Protein backbone atom coordinates (compact mmCIF):
# COMPACT_ATOMS: atom_id res chain seq x y z
CA UNK A 1 7.03 -7.56 10.02
CA UNK A 2 7.83 -4.05 8.94
CA UNK A 3 5.43 -1.26 9.67
CA UNK A 4 5.11 2.36 8.63
CA UNK A 5 4.42 5.18 11.07
CA UNK A 6 3.16 8.61 10.03
CA UNK A 7 5.51 10.47 12.35
CA UNK A 8 8.26 9.64 14.82
CA UNK A 9 10.71 11.64 16.91
CA UNK A 10 14.29 10.50 16.42
CA UNK A 11 16.81 11.80 18.97
CA UNK A 12 19.82 13.35 17.32
CA UNK A 13 18.13 14.10 14.00
CA UNK A 14 18.57 17.62 12.61
CA UNK A 15 15.49 17.41 10.39
CA UNK A 16 11.98 16.51 11.45
CA UNK A 17 11.10 12.95 10.39
CA UNK A 18 7.80 12.71 8.52
CA UNK A 19 7.62 8.94 8.04
CA UNK A 20 9.34 5.83 9.31
CA UNK A 21 9.38 2.09 8.93
CA UNK A 22 10.71 -0.55 11.23
CA UNK A 23 11.92 -4.10 10.85
CA UNK A 24 12.68 -6.68 13.50
CA UNK A 25 15.86 -5.01 14.78
CA UNK A 26 16.17 -1.76 12.87
CA UNK A 27 14.43 1.52 12.03
CA UNK A 28 14.36 3.71 8.95
CA UNK A 29 13.15 7.32 8.99
CA UNK A 30 12.48 9.77 6.16
CA UNK A 31 13.35 13.33 7.09
CA UNK A 32 11.20 16.36 6.28
CA UNK A 33 13.79 17.66 3.84
CA UNK A 34 13.29 14.40 1.88
CA UNK A 35 17.00 14.29 1.16
CA UNK A 36 18.14 11.41 3.32
CA UNK A 37 17.14 8.59 5.55
CA UNK A 38 18.18 7.94 9.12
CA UNK A 39 19.00 4.42 10.18
CA UNK A 40 19.10 2.88 13.64
CA UNK A 41 20.03 -0.71 13.07
CA UNK A 42 21.39 -3.90 14.55
CA UNK A 43 23.28 -4.70 11.37
CA UNK A 44 25.21 -7.84 10.53
CA UNK A 45 28.59 -6.16 10.94
CA UNK A 46 28.22 -2.98 12.98
CA UNK A 47 25.39 -2.17 15.36
CA UNK A 48 24.26 1.46 15.29
CA UNK A 49 22.82 2.55 18.63
CA UNK A 50 22.03 6.11 17.51
CA UNK A 51 20.52 7.38 14.23
CA UNK A 52 23.03 7.44 11.38
CA UNK A 53 22.59 9.06 7.99
CA UNK A 54 22.33 6.46 5.24
CA UNK A 55 22.85 9.01 2.50
CA UNK A 56 21.42 11.95 0.62
CA UNK A 57 21.67 13.04 -2.99
CA UNK A 58 25.16 11.56 -3.24
CA UNK A 59 23.78 8.08 -2.54
CA UNK A 60 20.29 8.22 -4.04
CA UNK A 61 20.87 10.91 -6.69
CA UNK A 62 17.53 12.48 -5.83
CA UNK A 63 15.15 13.21 -2.97
CA UNK A 64 13.45 10.25 -1.32
CA UNK A 65 9.66 10.18 -1.17
CA UNK A 66 8.91 6.74 0.27
CA UNK A 67 10.62 4.08 2.38
CA UNK A 68 9.66 0.52 3.28
CA UNK A 69 11.32 -2.26 5.17
CA UNK A 70 10.91 -5.77 6.48
CA UNK A 71 12.85 -7.92 8.90
CA UNK A 72 16.06 -8.07 6.89
CA UNK A 73 15.86 -5.67 3.95
CA UNK A 74 14.92 -2.10 3.04
CA UNK A 75 13.48 -0.37 -0.03
CA UNK A 76 13.26 3.30 -1.00
CA UNK A 77 11.75 5.32 -3.86
CA UNK A 78 13.07 8.66 -5.09
CA UNK A 79 11.13 11.64 -6.41
CA UNK A 80 12.00 10.65 -9.98
CA UNK A 81 10.79 7.09 -9.51
CA UNK A 82 14.04 5.23 -8.94
CA UNK A 83 14.12 2.23 -6.57
CA UNK A 84 16.95 1.45 -4.16
CA UNK A 85 17.21 -1.68 -2.00
CA UNK A 86 19.69 -2.96 0.56
CA UNK A 87 20.05 -5.61 3.27
CA UNK A 88 19.76 -9.40 3.08
CA UNK A 89 19.68 -10.56 -0.54
CA UNK A 90 18.52 -14.15 0.05
CA UNK A 91 15.98 -15.48 -2.49
CA UNK A 92 16.49 -12.38 -4.65
CA UNK A 93 14.41 -10.08 -2.44
CA UNK A 94 16.62 -7.08 -3.34
CA UNK A 95 15.93 -7.41 -7.07
CA UNK A 96 19.53 -7.16 -8.29
CA UNK A 97 19.66 -10.48 -10.12
CA UNK A 98 21.48 -12.37 -7.39
CA UNK A 99 21.27 -13.35 -3.73
CA UNK A 100 24.08 -11.15 -2.50
CA UNK A 101 23.42 -8.95 0.50
CA UNK A 102 23.99 -5.23 0.08
CA UNK A 103 25.30 -3.20 3.01
CA UNK A 104 24.59 0.07 1.16
CA UNK A 105 21.62 1.19 -0.99
CA UNK A 106 21.87 0.00 -4.59
CA UNK A 107 19.62 1.15 -7.41
CA UNK A 108 17.57 -1.30 -9.45
CA UNK A 109 18.10 -0.18 -13.08
CA UNK A 110 15.22 1.94 -14.37
CA UNK A 111 14.91 -0.15 -17.53
CA UNK A 112 13.96 -3.09 -15.30
CA UNK A 113 10.51 -1.48 -14.94
CA UNK A 114 10.11 -0.96 -18.69
CA UNK A 115 11.07 2.69 -18.31
CA UNK A 116 8.10 3.58 -16.07
CA UNK A 117 8.85 5.49 -12.85
CA UNK A 118 8.03 3.71 -9.60
CA UNK A 119 5.98 5.60 -7.04
CA UNK A 120 5.51 2.94 -4.36
CA UNK A 121 7.45 -0.07 -3.10
CA UNK A 122 6.79 -2.47 -0.25
CA UNK A 123 8.57 -5.49 1.15
CA UNK A 124 7.43 -8.80 2.59
CA UNK A 125 9.78 -10.93 4.64
CA UNK A 126 11.35 -12.54 1.58
CA UNK A 127 9.78 -10.71 -1.36
CA UNK A 128 9.27 -7.18 -2.62
CA UNK A 129 6.63 -5.41 -4.71
CA UNK A 130 6.77 -2.19 -6.73
CA UNK A 131 3.99 -0.13 -8.30
CA UNK A 132 4.76 2.03 -11.34
CA UNK A 133 2.95 5.20 -12.35
CA UNK A 134 1.11 3.34 -15.13
CA UNK A 135 -0.59 1.13 -12.53
CA UNK A 136 1.48 -1.98 -13.16
CA UNK A 137 2.80 -4.32 -10.48
CA UNK A 138 6.33 -5.70 -10.39
CA UNK A 139 7.25 -8.43 -7.93
CA UNK A 140 10.41 -10.35 -7.00
CA UNK A 141 11.92 -12.63 -4.35
CA UNK A 142 10.91 -15.96 -2.86
CA UNK A 143 8.09 -17.79 -4.68
CA UNK A 144 6.97 -19.99 -1.75
CA UNK A 145 3.22 -20.06 -0.89
CA UNK A 146 2.27 -18.07 -3.95
CA UNK A 147 3.36 -14.72 -2.55
CA UNK A 148 4.63 -13.60 -5.98
CA UNK A 149 1.21 -14.12 -7.57
CA UNK A 150 2.71 -15.70 -10.68
CA UNK A 151 0.78 -18.97 -10.56
CA UNK A 152 1.59 -22.45 -9.38
CA UNK A 153 5.32 -22.98 -9.45
CA UNK A 154 6.34 -26.52 -8.59
CA UNK A 155 9.85 -26.35 -9.93
CA UNK A 156 13.21 -25.83 -8.21
CA UNK A 157 14.28 -22.88 -6.13
CA UNK A 158 15.63 -21.12 -9.21
CA UNK A 159 12.04 -20.20 -9.95
CA UNK A 160 12.42 -17.47 -7.39
CA UNK A 161 12.46 -14.11 -9.12
CA UNK A 162 15.81 -12.34 -8.74
CA UNK A 163 14.77 -9.24 -10.68
CA UNK A 164 11.43 -7.40 -10.77
CA UNK A 165 8.91 -9.39 -12.82
CA UNK A 166 5.66 -7.87 -14.15
CA UNK A 167 2.44 -9.33 -12.80
CA UNK A 168 -0.08 -9.96 -15.61
CA UNK A 169 -2.51 -7.04 -15.55
CA UNK A 170 -5.27 -9.33 -16.80
CA UNK A 171 -5.63 -10.26 -13.14
CA UNK A 172 -7.01 -6.80 -12.36
CA UNK A 173 -10.07 -5.01 -13.82
CA UNK A 174 -8.42 -1.60 -13.45
CA UNK A 175 -5.07 -0.08 -12.60
CA UNK A 176 -3.59 -0.78 -9.18
CA UNK A 177 -3.20 2.32 -6.99
CA UNK A 178 -1.86 0.90 -3.72
CA UNK A 179 0.06 -2.16 -2.56
CA UNK A 180 0.99 -3.81 0.73
CA UNK A 181 2.99 -6.90 1.64
CA UNK A 182 3.00 -9.05 4.74
CA UNK A 183 5.36 -11.77 5.82
CA UNK A 184 4.20 -14.18 3.11
CA UNK A 185 1.29 -12.50 1.31
CA UNK A 186 0.51 -9.48 -0.83
CA UNK A 187 -2.45 -7.13 -1.32
CA UNK A 188 -3.37 -4.71 -4.08
CA UNK A 189 -6.05 -1.99 -4.25
CA UNK A 190 -7.35 -1.00 -7.68
CA UNK A 191 -8.66 2.32 -8.98
CA UNK A 192 -12.20 0.89 -8.84
CA UNK A 193 -11.84 0.05 -5.14
CA UNK A 194 -11.35 -3.70 -5.56
CA UNK A 195 -8.96 -5.49 -3.19
CA UNK A 196 -6.96 -8.48 -4.38
CA UNK A 197 -4.95 -10.78 -2.12
CA UNK A 198 -2.56 -13.66 -2.75
CA UNK A 199 0.14 -15.72 -1.03
CA UNK A 200 0.02 -17.68 2.20
CA UNK A 201 -3.47 -18.16 3.62
CA UNK A 202 -2.26 -19.23 7.06
CA UNK A 203 -4.21 -17.53 9.83
CA UNK A 204 -6.92 -16.42 7.39
CA UNK A 205 -4.68 -13.52 6.44
CA UNK A 206 -6.02 -13.39 2.87
CA UNK A 207 -9.55 -12.63 4.02
CA UNK A 208 -11.22 -15.80 2.80
CA UNK A 209 -13.05 -18.56 4.67
CA UNK A 210 -10.11 -20.95 4.66
CA UNK A 211 -6.36 -21.16 5.15
CA UNK A 212 -5.55 -22.07 1.56
CA UNK A 213 -2.74 -20.34 -0.28
CA UNK A 214 -3.58 -18.30 -3.38
CA UNK A 215 -0.96 -18.37 -6.12
CA UNK A 216 -2.55 -15.66 -8.25
CA UNK A 217 -4.35 -12.43 -7.24
CA UNK A 218 -7.92 -13.21 -6.09
CA UNK A 219 -10.67 -10.62 -5.62
CA UNK A 220 -11.68 -10.17 -2.00
CA UNK A 221 -15.47 -9.99 -1.98
CA UNK A 222 -17.84 -8.80 0.72
CA UNK A 223 -19.32 -11.60 2.78
CA UNK A 224 -22.58 -11.53 4.69
């Protein structure tokens, strides 16, 4: 599972990294200048044993403000709210309308998010979640175990979501302000301090008294 560290020291970097994320076999770091990311990866085609620049303004068109990654894919958000993804495209986790892998960052069209800038993105193992400035959630990728939060889907695999899909805001009493994704589950924190979880319940990861999956966001309530 990918994690985010507040600060790391990356040998060979010319700018001080202020945040990083790591997958199973690769690292991603956001430099203090916010203009590029540094990648140390065991990629499908070429292993990189030292930090390599993924790209700056020429690739992302803007300064990066947030990065996220999981075992096989990466996500990034720019200062103007654009989302870029790259890596393994299986099950539509990159959000580009297909299952093709992307070796280089590719932008998800802004109109995909109804014109609202994105300020946070996170990735599960086979799904991704974005939060726009208006407090709406957008989710895409593999639908197994309810991790997309779109309800019970018993149909074929084409019910995966290959582009960002809005999550009904009726599920939440107030705007969402923070999101997180695990291997097969998702969490959201609202402006009122409520926590909602959904997806795979294996290992009690959803915070309830059972291992049942939740296919829609469910309020996590305090238990005595």
